Amino acid sequence: MKALYRRDIGYIDIVWGENDYNNKGYGLKHIIEKHGSDIEELGFKVEDFIPIVVQFGEFNETVSDAGKKVFESKMFRFVVATNFEGRRKQWLLTSFDLRKKPKRNSRA
């Protein structure tokens, strides 16, 4: 379902997706089950948060690649995948509050 639109990348579909017992997954189900309570702590419902971050996130070319486009601000990130089951399709993979994301250790 073409649910969202950005002038710079066009239409973005939302898929229901899946989420497993380790909270690894994709799509709306993953966002709700893994990040829903964090989003609510910010004072938003998931269905309100997603359109806001999609409109106001800045494209991050450094962490994007051919399979995904990453958009973020200081507080959130959302990822748009560029294919689905081998077919070309732009769809919302995930969206979350960056302040809750654990920092990765970098090795020198």
PDB file of N, CA and C in Angstrom:
ATOM      1  N   MET A   1       0.846  -1.162   0.000  1.00  0.00           N
ATOM      2  CA  MET A   1       0.000   0.000   0.000  1.00  0.00           C
ATOM      3  C   MET A   1       0.897   1.232   0.000  1.00  0.00           C
ATOM      4  N   LYS A   2       0.731   2.113  -0.969  1.00  0.00           N
ATOM      5  CA  LYS A   2       1.482   3.363  -1.029  1.00  0.00           C
ATOM      6  C   LYS A   2       0.898   4.305   0.004  1.00  0.00           C
ATOM      7  N   ALA A   3       1.615   4.449   1.111  1.00  0.00           N
ATOM      8  CA  ALA A   3       1.055   5.167   2.251  1.00  0.00           C
ATOM      9  C   ALA A   3       1.728   6.492   2.522  1.00  0.00           C
ATOM     10  N   LEU A   4       2.981   6.642   2.132  1.00  0.00           N
ATOM     11  CA  LEU A   4       3.747   7.831   2.465  1.00  0.00           C
ATOM     12  C   LEU A   4       4.414   8.373   1.211  1.00  0.00           C
ATOM     13  N   TYR A   5       4.760   9.641   1.247  1.00  0.00           N
ATOM     14  CA  TYR A   5       5.401  10.251   0.085  1.00  0.00           C
ATOM     15  C   TYR A   5       6.439  11.270   0.544  1.00  0.00           C
ATOM     16  N   ARG A   6       7.582  11.244  -0.105  1.00  0.00           N
ATOM     17  CA  ARG A   6       8.621  12.274   0.063  1.00  0.00           C
ATOM     18  C   ARG A   6       8.998  12.752  -1.322  1.00  0.00           C
ATOM     19  N   ARG A   7       9.155  14.038  -1.463  1.00  0.00           N
ATOM     20  CA  ARG A   7       9.476  14.599  -2.777  1.00  0.00           C
ATOM     21  C   ARG A   7      10.791  14.055  -3.331  1.00  0.00           C
ATOM     22  N   ASP A   8      11.775  13.801  -2.452  1.00  0.00           N
ATOM     23  CA  ASP A   8      13.096  13.374  -2.926  1.00  0.00           C
ATOM     24  C   ASP A   8      13.186  11.901  -3.312  1.00  0.00           C
ATOM     25  N   ILE A   9      12.311  11.043  -2.785  1.00  0.00           N
ATOM     26  CA  ILE A   9      12.396   9.620  -3.146  1.00  0.00           C
ATOM     27  C   ILE A   9      11.090   9.045  -3.677  1.00  0.00           C
ATOM     28  N   GLY A  10       9.993   9.774  -3.574  1.00  0.00           N
ATOM     29  CA  GLY A  10       8.717   9.304  -4.102  1.00  0.00           C
ATOM     30  C   GLY A  10       7.889   8.563  -3.058  1.00  0.00           C
ATOM     31  N   TYR A  11       7.076   7.625  -3.539  1.00  0.00           N
ATOM     32  CA  TYR A  11       6.165   6.901  -2.663  1.00  0.00           C
ATOM     33  C   TYR A  11       6.886   5.826  -1.856  1.00  0.00           C
ATOM     34  N   ILE A  12       6.422   5.638  -0.632  1.00  0.00           N
ATOM     35  CA  ILE A  12       6.957   4.621   0.275  1.00  0.00           C
ATOM     36  C   ILE A  12       5.791   3.762   0.732  1.00  0.00           C
ATOM     37  N   ASP A  13       5.901   2.471   0.507  1.00  0.00           N
ATOM     38  CA  ASP A  13       4.871   1.534   0.949  1.00  0.00           C
ATOM     39  C   ASP A  13       5.090   1.156   2.404  1.00  0.00           C
ATOM     40  N   ILE A  14       4.026   0.748   3.050  1.00  0.00           N
ATOM     41  CA  ILE A  14       4.123   0.172   4.391  1.00  0.00           C
ATOM     42  C   ILE A  14       3.662  -1.269   4.287  1.00  0.00           C
ATOM     43  N   VAL A  15       4.508  -2.189   4.713  1.00  0.00           N
ATOM     44  CA  VAL A  15       4.147  -3.609   4.737  1.00  0.00           C
ATOM     45  C   VAL A  15       3.963  -4.026   6.195  1.00  0.00           C
ATOM     46  N   TRP A  16       3.111  -5.010   6.423  1.00  0.00           N
ATOM     47  CA  TRP A  16       2.886  -5.479   7.789  1.00  0.00           C
ATOM     48  C   TRP A  16       4.165  -6.071   8.350  1.00  0.00           C
ATOM     49  N   GLY A  17       4.842  -6.921   7.603  1.00  0.00           N
ATOM     50  CA  GLY A  17       6.129  -7.468   8.012  1.00  0.00           C
ATOM     51  C   GLY A  17       6.034  -8.566   9.036  1.00  0.00           C
ATOM     52  N   GLU A  18       7.116  -8.727   9.802  1.00  0.00           N
ATOM     53  CA  GLU A  18       7.174  -9.773  10.819  1.00  0.00           C
ATOM     54  C   GLU A  18       8.168  -9.375  11.901  1.00  0.00           C
ATOM     55  N   ASN A  19       8.081 -10.057  13.010  1.00  0.00           N
ATOM     56  CA  ASN A  19       8.979  -9.826  14.132  1.00  0.00           C
ATOM     57  C   ASN A  19       9.119 -11.163  14.847  1.00  0.00           C
ATOM     58  N   ASP A  20      10.345 -11.587  15.140  1.00  0.00           N
ATOM     59  CA  ASP A  20      10.525 -12.872  15.807  1.00  0.00           C
ATOM     60  C   ASP A  20      10.755 -12.688  17.303  1.00  0.00           C
ATOM     61  N   TYR A  21      10.945 -13.768  18.008  1.00  0.00           N
ATOM     62  CA  TYR A  21      11.090 -13.724  19.463  1.00  0.00           C
ATOM     63  C   TYR A  21      12.345 -12.968  19.904  1.00  0.00           C
ATOM     64  N   ASN A  22      13.311 -12.755  19.020  1.00  0.00           N
ATOM     65  CA  ASN A  22      14.509 -11.960  19.337  1.00  0.00           C
ATOM     66  C   ASN A  22      14.329 -10.495  18.957  1.00  0.00           C
ATOM     67  N   ASN A  23      13.100 -10.132  18.563  1.00  0.00           N
ATOM     68  CA  ASN A  23      12.795  -8.771  18.118  1.00  0.00           C
ATOM     69  C   ASN A  23      13.601  -8.373  16.892  1.00  0.00           C
ATOM     70  N   LYS A  24      13.820  -9.320  16.017  1.00  0.00           N
ATOM     71  CA  LYS A  24      14.438  -9.034  14.730  1.00  0.00           C
ATOM     72  C   LYS A  24      13.343  -9.211  13.688  1.00  0.00           C
ATOM     73  N   GLY A  25      13.217  -8.268  12.815  1.00  0.00           N
ATOM     74  CA  GLY A  25      12.163  -8.349  11.814  1.00  0.00           C
ATOM     75  C   GLY A  25      12.156  -7.108  10.956  1.00  0.00           C
ATOM     76  N   TYR A  26      10.980  -6.811  10.421  1.00  0.00           N
ATOM     77  CA  TYR A  26      10.846  -5.669   9.522  1.00  0.00           C
ATOM     78  C   TYR A  26       9.386  -5.261   9.437  1.00  0.00           C
ATOM     79  N   GLY A  27       9.173  -4.075   8.948  1.00  0.00           N
ATOM     80  CA  GLY A  27       7.833  -3.587   8.680  1.00  0.00           C
ATOM     81  C   GLY A  27       7.104  -3.079   9.913  1.00  0.00           C
ATOM     82  N   LEU A  28       5.817  -2.834   9.720  1.00  0.00           N
ATOM     83  CA  LEU A  28       4.993  -2.238  10.763  1.00  0.00           C
ATOM     84  C   LEU A  28       4.910  -3.105  12.017  1.00  0.00           C
ATOM     85  N   LYS A  29       4.795  -4.406  11.848  1.00  0.00           N
ATOM     86  CA  LYS A  29       4.727  -5.294  13.024  1.00  0.00           C
ATOM     87  C   LYS A  29       5.996  -5.158  13.868  1.00  0.00           C
ATOM     88  N   HIS A  30       7.128  -5.126  13.229  1.00  0.00           N
ATOM     89  CA  HIS A  30       8.415  -4.966  13.916  1.00  0.00           C
ATOM     90  C   HIS A  30       8.486  -3.618  14.645  1.00  0.00           C
ATOM     91  N   ILE A  31       8.079  -2.554  13.960  1.00  0.00           N
ATOM     92  CA  ILE A  31       8.119  -1.227  14.576  1.00  0.00           C
ATOM     93  C   ILE A  31       7.239  -1.201  15.826  1.00  0.00           C
ATOM     94  N   ILE A  32       6.038  -1.732  15.728  1.00  0.00           N
ATOM     95  CA  ILE A  32       5.110  -1.725  16.862  1.00  0.00           C
ATOM     96  C   ILE A  32       5.647  -2.563  18.015  1.00  0.00           C
ATOM     97  N   GLU A  33       6.078  -3.798  17.743  1.00  0.00           N
ATOM     98  CA  GLU A  33       6.502  -4.693  18.814  1.00  0.00           C
ATOM     99  C   GLU A  33       7.851  -4.320  19.416  1.00  0.00           C
ATOM    100  N   LYS A  34       8.782  -3.847  18.612  1.00  0.00           N
ATOM    101  CA  LYS A  34      10.115  -3.557  19.142  1.00  0.00           C
ATOM    102  C   LYS A  34      10.255  -2.112  19.621  1.00  0.00           C
ATOM    103  N   HIS A  35       9.659  -1.178  18.911  1.00  0.00           N
ATOM    104  CA  HIS A  35       9.888   0.230  19.189  1.00  0.00           C
ATOM    105  C   HIS A  35       8.645   0.980  19.654  1.00  0.00           C
ATOM    106  N   GLY A  36       7.499   0.334  19.686  1.00  0.00           N
ATOM    107  CA  GLY A  36       6.245   1.013  20.017  1.00  0.00           C
ATOM    108  C   GLY A  36       6.243   1.703  21.359  1.00  0.00           C
ATOM    109  N   SER A  37       6.737   1.047  22.404  1.00  0.00           N
ATOM    110  CA  SER A  37       6.724   1.673  23.735  1.00  0.00           C
ATOM    111  C   SER A  37       7.687   2.862  23.792  1.00  0.00           C
ATOM    112  N   ASP A  38       8.819   2.786  23.091  1.00  0.00           N
ATOM    113  CA  ASP A  38       9.751   3.919  23.043  1.00  0.00           C
ATOM    114  C   ASP A  38       9.114   5.109  22.334  1.00  0.00           C
ATOM    115  N   ILE A  39       8.394   4.835  21.267  1.00  0.00           N
ATOM    116  CA  ILE A  39       7.715   5.893  20.525  1.00  0.00           C
ATOM    117  C   ILE A  39       6.637   6.532  21.397  1.00  0.00           C
ATOM    118  N   GLU A  40       5.897   5.705  22.137  1.00  0.00           N
ATOM    119  CA  GLU A  40       4.865   6.231  23.037  1.00  0.00           C
ATOM    120  C   GLU A  40       5.474   7.077  24.156  1.00  0.00           C
ATOM    121  N   GLU A  41       6.683   6.727  24.623  1.00  0.00           N
ATOM    122  CA  GLU A  41       7.366   7.533  25.634  1.00  0.00           C
ATOM    123  C   GLU A  41       7.681   8.933  25.125  1.00  0.00           C
ATOM    124  N   LEU A  42       7.830   9.072  23.813  1.00  0.00           N
ATOM    125  CA  LEU A  42       8.060  10.382  23.209  1.00  0.00           C
ATOM    126  C   LEU A  42       6.763  11.184  23.115  1.00  0.00           C
ATOM    127  N   GLY A  43       5.642  10.540  23.411  1.00  0.00           N
ATOM    128  CA  GLY A  43       4.348  11.215  23.364  1.00  0.00           C
ATOM    129  C   GLY A  43       3.605  11.028  22.060  1.00  0.00           C
ATOM    130  N   PHE A  44       3.996  10.018  21.263  1.00  0.00           N
ATOM    131  CA  PHE A  44       3.353   9.770  19.978  1.00  0.00           C
ATOM    132  C   PHE A  44       2.712   8.390  19.943  1.00  0.00           C
ATOM    133  N   LYS A  45       1.716   8.237  19.103  1.00  0.00           N
ATOM    134  CA  LYS A  45       1.236   6.917  18.700  1.00  0.00           C
ATOM    135  C   LYS A  45       2.080   6.537  17.484  1.00  0.00           C
ATOM    136  N   VAL A  46       2.302   5.248  17.291  1.00  0.00           N
ATOM    137  CA  VAL A  46       3.126   4.798  16.167  1.00  0.00           C
ATOM    138  C   VAL A  46       2.590   5.354  14.851  1.00  0.00           C
ATOM    139  N   GLU A  47       1.281   5.323  14.669  1.00  0.00           N
ATOM    140  CA  GLU A  47       0.688   5.770  13.404  1.00  0.00           C
ATOM    141  C   GLU A  47       0.875   7.270  13.166  1.00  0.00           C
ATOM    142  N   ASP A  48       1.141   8.048  14.216  1.00  0.00           N
ATOM    143  CA  ASP A  48       1.438   9.475  14.052  1.00  0.00           C
ATOM    144  C   ASP A  48       2.939   9.706  13.884  1.00  0.00           C
ATOM    145  N   PHE A  49       3.756   8.923  14.583  1.00  0.00           N
ATOM    146  CA  PHE A  49       5.204   9.066  14.574  1.00  0.00           C
ATOM    147  C   PHE A  49       5.784   8.798  13.182  1.00  0.00           C
ATOM    148  N   ILE A  50       5.342   7.740  12.534  1.00  0.00           N
ATOM    149  CA  ILE A  50       5.929   7.336  11.255  1.00  0.00           C
ATOM    150  C   ILE A  50       5.823   8.437  10.199  1.00  0.00           C
ATOM    151  N   PRO A  51       4.642   9.020   9.954  1.00  0.00           N
ATOM    152  CA  PRO A  51       4.602  10.092   8.941  1.00  0.00           C
ATOM    153  C   PRO A  51       5.461  11.301   9.304  1.00  0.00           C
ATOM    154  N   ILE A  52       5.571  11.615  10.586  1.00  0.00           N
ATOM    155  CA  ILE A  52       6.392  12.748  11.000  1.00  0.00           C
ATOM    156  C   ILE A  52       7.867  12.492  10.684  1.00  0.00           C
ATOM    157  N   VAL A  53       8.382  11.334  11.078  1.00  0.00           N
ATOM    158  CA  VAL A  53       9.807  11.072  10.825  1.00  0.00           C
ATOM    159  C   VAL A  53      10.092  10.937   9.341  1.00  0.00           C
ATOM    160  N   VAL A  54       9.142  10.401   8.590  1.00  0.00           N
ATOM    161  CA  VAL A  54       9.352  10.268   7.148  1.00  0.00           C
ATOM    162  C   VAL A  54       9.451  11.647   6.501  1.00  0.00           C
ATOM    163  N   GLN A  55       8.680  12.595   6.943  1.00  0.00           N
ATOM    164  CA  GLN A  55       8.722  13.936   6.356  1.00  0.00           C
ATOM    165  C   GLN A  55       9.939  14.742   6.773  1.00  0.00           C
ATOM    166  N   PHE A  56      10.431  14.541   8.011  1.00  0.00           N
ATOM    167  CA  PHE A  56      11.466  15.433   8.528  1.00  0.00           C
ATOM    168  C   PHE A  56      12.853  14.812   8.656  1.00  0.00           C
ATOM    169  N   GLY A  57      13.021  13.541   8.366  1.00  0.00           N
ATOM    170  CA  GLY A  57      14.347  12.944   8.412  1.00  0.00           C
ATOM    171  C   GLY A  57      15.209  13.397   7.246  1.00  0.00           C
ATOM    172  N   GLU A  58      16.500  13.515   7.493  1.00  0.00           N
ATOM    173  CA  GLU A  58      17.460  13.898   6.451  1.00  0.00           C
ATOM    174  C   GLU A  58      18.135  12.644   5.916  1.00  0.00           C
ATOM    175  N   PHE A  59      18.340  12.592   4.612  1.00  0.00           N
ATOM    176  CA  PHE A  59      18.986  11.445   3.979  1.00  0.00           C
ATOM    177  C   PHE A  59      20.422  11.322   4.474  1.00  0.00           C
ATOM    178  N   ASN A  60      20.816  10.125   4.905  1.00  0.00           N
ATOM    179  CA  ASN A  60      22.180   9.870   5.365  1.00  0.00           C
ATOM    180  C   ASN A  60      22.853   8.954   4.341  1.00  0.00           C
ATOM    181  N   GLU A  61      23.562   9.551   3.420  1.00  0.00           N
ATOM    182  CA  GLU A  61      24.211   8.805   2.339  1.00  0.00           C
ATOM    183  C   GLU A  61      25.306   7.887   2.869  1.00  0.00           C
ATOM    184  N   THR A  62      25.949   8.256   3.967  1.00  0.00           N
ATOM    185  CA  THR A  62      27.062   7.490   4.516  1.00  0.00           C
ATOM    186  C   THR A  62      26.655   6.077   4.920  1.00  0.00           C
ATOM    187  N   VAL A  63      25.493   5.909   5.526  1.00  0.00           N
ATOM    188  CA  VAL A  63      25.072   4.584   5.988  1.00  0.00           C
ATOM    189  C   VAL A  63      24.069   3.923   5.047  1.00  0.00           C
ATOM    190  N   SER A  64      23.668   4.614   3.997  1.00  0.00           N
ATOM    191  CA  SER A  64      22.762   4.037   3.009  1.00  0.00           C
ATOM    192  C   SER A  64      23.556   3.203   2.015  1.00  0.00           C
ATOM    193  N   ASP A  65      22.867   2.290   1.351  1.00  0.00           N
ATOM    194  CA  ASP A  65      23.499   1.504   0.289  1.00  0.00           C
ATOM    195  C   ASP A  65      22.451   1.181  -0.767  1.00  0.00           C
ATOM    196  N   ALA A  66      22.777   0.317  -1.706  1.00  0.00           N
ATOM    197  CA  ALA A  66      21.853   0.007  -2.796  1.00  0.00           C
ATOM    198  C   ALA A  66      20.561  -0.645  -2.302  1.00  0.00           C
ATOM    199  N   GLY A  67      20.608  -1.319  -1.159  1.00  0.00           N
ATOM    200  CA  GLY A  67      19.432  -2.022  -0.658  1.00  0.00           C
ATOM    201  C   GLY A  67      18.595  -1.243   0.328  1.00  0.00           C
ATOM    202  N   LYS A  68      19.123  -0.138   0.833  1.00  0.00           N
ATOM    203  CA  LYS A  68      18.354   0.634   1.815  1.00  0.00           C
ATOM    204  C   LYS A  68      18.760   2.097   1.809  1.00  0.00           C
ATOM    205  N   LYS A  69      17.785   2.947   2.107  1.00  0.00           N
ATOM    206  CA  LYS A  69      18.001   4.382   2.239  1.00  0.00           C
ATOM    207  C   LYS A  69      17.722   4.729   3.695  1.00  0.00           C
ATOM    208  N   VAL A  70      18.676   5.387   4.329  1.00  0.00           N
ATOM    209  CA  VAL A  70      18.565   5.714   5.749  1.00  0.00           C
ATOM    210  C   VAL A  70      18.356   7.219   5.894  1.00  0.00           C
ATOM    211  N   PHE A  71      17.366   7.579   6.700  1.00  0.00           N
ATOM    212  CA  PHE A  71      17.034   8.971   6.985  1.00  0.00           C
ATOM    213  C   PHE A  71      17.052   9.137   8.492  1.00  0.00           C
ATOM    214  N   GLU A  72      17.558  10.282   8.966  1.00  0.00           N
ATOM    215  CA  GLU A  72      17.628  10.454  10.413  1.00  0.00           C
ATOM    216  C   GLU A  72      17.710  11.915  10.809  1.00  0.00           C
ATOM    217  N   SER A  73      17.505  12.129  12.097  1.00  0.00           N
ATOM    218  CA  SER A  73      17.739  13.413  12.748  1.00  0.00           C
ATOM    219  C   SER A  73      18.512  13.080  14.018  1.00  0.00           C
ATOM    220  N   LYS A  74      18.640  14.020  14.928  1.00  0.00           N
ATOM    221  CA  LYS A  74      19.311  13.726  16.195  1.00  0.00           C
ATOM    222  C   LYS A  74      18.510  12.748  17.045  1.00  0.00           C
ATOM    223  N   MET A  75      17.189  12.673  16.816  1.00  0.00           N
ATOM    224  CA  MET A  75      16.333  11.866  17.687  1.00  0.00           C
ATOM    225  C   MET A  75      15.802  10.580  17.075  1.00  0.00           C
ATOM    226  N   PHE A  76      15.773  10.445  15.776  1.00  0.00           N
ATOM    227  CA  PHE A  76      15.151   9.265  15.185  1.00  0.00           C
ATOM    228  C   PHE A  76      15.849   8.851  13.900  1.00  0.00           C
ATOM    229  N   ARG A  77      15.546   7.636  13.481  1.00  0.00           N
ATOM    230  CA  ARG A  77      16.031   7.095  12.206  1.00  0.00           C
ATOM    231  C   ARG A  77      14.895   6.277  11.595  1.00  0.00           C
ATOM    232  N   PHE A  78      14.795   6.328  10.288  1.00  0.00           N
ATOM    233  CA  PHE A  78      13.922   5.378   9.600  1.00  0.00           C
ATOM    234  C   PHE A  78      14.660   4.878   8.371  1.00  0.00           C
ATOM    235  N   VAL A  79      14.346   3.652   7.998  1.00  0.00           N
ATOM    236  CA  VAL A  79      15.038   2.989   6.899  1.00  0.00           C
ATOM    237  C   VAL A  79      14.010   2.552   5.867  1.00  0.00           C
ATOM    238  N   VAL A  80      14.285   2.886   4.618  1.00  0.00           N
ATOM    239  CA  VAL A  80      13.445   2.478   3.501  1.00  0.00           C
ATOM    240  C   VAL A  80      14.221   1.446   2.698  1.00  0.00           C
ATOM    241  N   ALA A  81      13.662   0.250   2.585  1.00  0.00           N
ATOM    242  CA  ALA A  81      14.274  -0.789   1.750  1.00  0.00           C
ATOM    243  C   ALA A  81      13.878  -0.536   0.297  1.00  0.00           C
ATOM    244  N   THR A  82      14.734  -0.956  -0.636  1.00  0.00           N
ATOM    245  CA  THR A  82      14.486  -0.653  -2.045  1.00  0.00           C
ATOM    246  C   THR A  82      14.020  -1.855  -2.868  1.00  0.00           C
ATOM    247  N   ASN A  83      13.852  -2.999  -2.199  1.00  0.00           N
ATOM    248  CA  ASN A  83      13.264  -4.146  -2.894  1.00  0.00           C
ATOM    249  C   ASN A  83      12.558  -5.024  -1.863  1.00  0.00           C
ATOM    250  N   PHE A  84      11.632  -5.832  -2.336  1.00  0.00           N
ATOM    251  CA  PHE A  84      10.873  -6.729  -1.468  1.00  0.00           C
ATOM    252  C   PHE A  84      10.741  -8.060  -2.183  1.00  0.00           C
ATOM    253  N   GLU A  85      11.345  -9.090  -1.596  1.00  0.00           N
ATOM    254  CA  GLU A  85      11.306 -10.440  -2.157  1.00  0.00           C
ATOM    255  C   GLU A  85      11.731 -10.446  -3.628  1.00  0.00           C
ATOM    256  N   GLY A  86      12.827  -9.716  -3.914  1.00  0.00           N
ATOM    257  CA  GLY A  86      13.399  -9.705  -5.248  1.00  0.00           C
ATOM    258  C   GLY A  86      12.749  -8.748  -6.228  1.00  0.00           C
ATOM    259  N   ARG A  87      11.696  -8.061  -5.812  1.00  0.00           N
ATOM    260  CA  ARG A  87      11.034  -7.102  -6.697  1.00  0.00           C
ATOM    261  C   ARG A  87      11.377  -5.687  -6.248  1.00  0.00           C
ATOM    262  N   ARG A  88      11.495  -4.787  -7.207  1.00  0.00           N
ATOM    263  CA  ARG A  88      11.773  -3.387  -6.874  1.00  0.00           C
ATOM    264  C   ARG A  88      10.560  -2.788  -6.166  1.00  0.00           C
ATOM    265  N   LYS A  89      10.789  -2.258  -4.989  1.00  0.00           N
ATOM    266  CA  LYS A  89       9.713  -1.675  -4.202  1.00  0.00           C
ATOM    267  C   LYS A  89      10.357  -0.843  -3.102  1.00  0.00           C
ATOM    268  N   GLN A  90       9.860   0.359  -2.839  1.00  0.00           N
ATOM    269  CA  GLN A  90      10.329   1.180  -1.731  1.00  0.00           C
ATOM    270  C   GLN A  90       9.347   1.006  -0.589  1.00  0.00           C
ATOM    271  N   TRP A  91       9.845   0.509   0.529  1.00  0.00           N
ATOM    272  CA  TRP A  91       8.941   0.262   1.653  1.00  0.00           C
ATOM    273  C   TRP A  91       9.648   0.521   2.972  1.00  0.00           C
ATOM    274  N   LEU A  92       8.859   0.873   3.979  1.00  0.00           N
ATOM    275  CA  LEU A  92       9.393   1.205   5.288  1.00  0.00           C
ATOM    276  C   LEU A  92       9.842  -0.055   6.006  1.00  0.00           C
ATOM    277  N   LEU A  93      11.146  -0.172   6.231  1.00  0.00           N
ATOM    278  CA  LEU A  93      11.719  -1.322   6.909  1.00  0.00           C
ATOM    279  C   LEU A  93      11.610  -1.168   8.419  1.00  0.00           C
ATOM    280  N   THR A  94      12.004  -0.009   8.948  1.00  0.00           N
ATOM    281  CA  THR A  94      11.938   0.238  10.386  1.00  0.00           C
ATOM    282  C   THR A  94      11.999   1.733  10.661  1.00  0.00           C
ATOM    283  N   SER A  95      11.661   2.097  11.885  1.00  0.00           N
ATOM    284  CA  SER A  95      11.712   3.477  12.351  1.00  0.00           C
ATOM    285  C   SER A  95      11.822   3.445  13.863  1.00  0.00           C
ATOM    286  N   PHE A  96      12.724   4.259  14.435  1.00  0.00           N
ATOM    287  CA  PHE A  96      12.907   4.192  15.887  1.00  0.00           C
ATOM    288  C   PHE A  96      13.578   5.434  16.434  1.00  0.00           C
ATOM    289  N   ASP A  97      13.527   5.553  17.759  1.00  0.00           N
ATOM    290  CA  ASP A  97      14.110   6.644  18.528  1.00  0.00           C
ATOM    291  C   ASP A  97      15.605   6.354  18.688  1.00  0.00           C
ATOM    292  N   LEU A  98      16.460   7.181  18.119  1.00  0.00           N
ATOM    293  CA  LEU A  98      17.910   6.961  18.181  1.00  0.00           C
ATOM    294  C   LEU A  98      18.468   7.066  19.591  1.00  0.00           C
ATOM    295  N   ARG A  99      17.803   7.800  20.462  1.00  0.00           N
ATOM    296  CA  ARG A  99      18.306   7.944  21.818  1.00  0.00           C
ATOM    297  C   ARG A  99      18.238   6.629  22.578  1.00  0.00           C
ATOM    298  N   LYS A 100      17.435   5.656  22.129  1.00  0.00           N
ATOM    299  CA  LYS A 100      17.312   4.354  22.793  1.00  0.00           C
ATOM    300  C   LYS A 100      18.213   3.300  22.167  1.00  0.00           C
ATOM    301  N   LYS A 101      18.802   3.621  21.012  1.00  0.00           N
ATOM    302  CA  LYS A 101      19.630   2.644  20.302  1.00  0.00           C
ATOM    303  C   LYS A 101      20.994   2.550  20.968  1.00  0.00           C
ATOM    304  N   PRO A 102      21.445   1.328  21.317  1.00  0.00           N
ATOM    305  CA  PRO A 102      22.771   1.180  21.916  1.00  0.00           C
ATOM    306  C   PRO A 102      23.863   1.600  20.949  1.00  0.00           C
ATOM    307  N   LYS A 103      24.892   2.229  21.451  1.00  0.00           N
ATOM    308  CA  LYS A 103      26.024   2.647  20.621  1.00  0.00           C
ATOM    309  C   LYS A 103      26.876   1.424  20.283  1.00  0.00           C
ATOM    310  N   ARG A 104      27.326   1.373  19.049  1.00  0.00           N
ATOM    311  CA  ARG A 104      28.227   0.285  18.640  1.00  0.00           C
ATOM    312  C   ARG A 104      29.644   0.635  19.038  1.00  0.00           C
ATOM    313  N   ASN A 105      30.374  -0.373  19.490  1.00  0.00           N
ATOM    314  CA  ASN A 105      31.794  -0.171  19.791  1.00  0.00           C
ATOM    315  C   ASN A 105      32.566  -0.203  18.491  1.00  0.00           C
ATOM    316  N   SER A 106      33.418   0.766  18.269  1.00  0.00           N
ATOM    317  CA  SER A 106      34.223   0.762  17.050  1.00  0.00           C
ATOM    318  C   SER A 106      35.615   0.250  17.393  1.00  0.00           C
ATOM    319  N   ARG A 107      36.166  -0.488  16.474  1.00  0.00           N
ATOM    320  CA  ARG A 107      37.510  -1.025  16.647  1.00  0.00           C
ATOM    321  C   ARG A 107      38.469  -0.223  15.801  1.00  0.00           C
ATOM    322  N   ALA A 108      39.565   0.181  16.371  1.00  0.00           N
ATOM    323  CA  ALA A 108      40.562   0.968  15.637  1.00  0.00           C
ATOM    324  C   ALA A 108      41.523   0.080  14.903  1.00  0.00           C
TER     325      ALA A 108
END
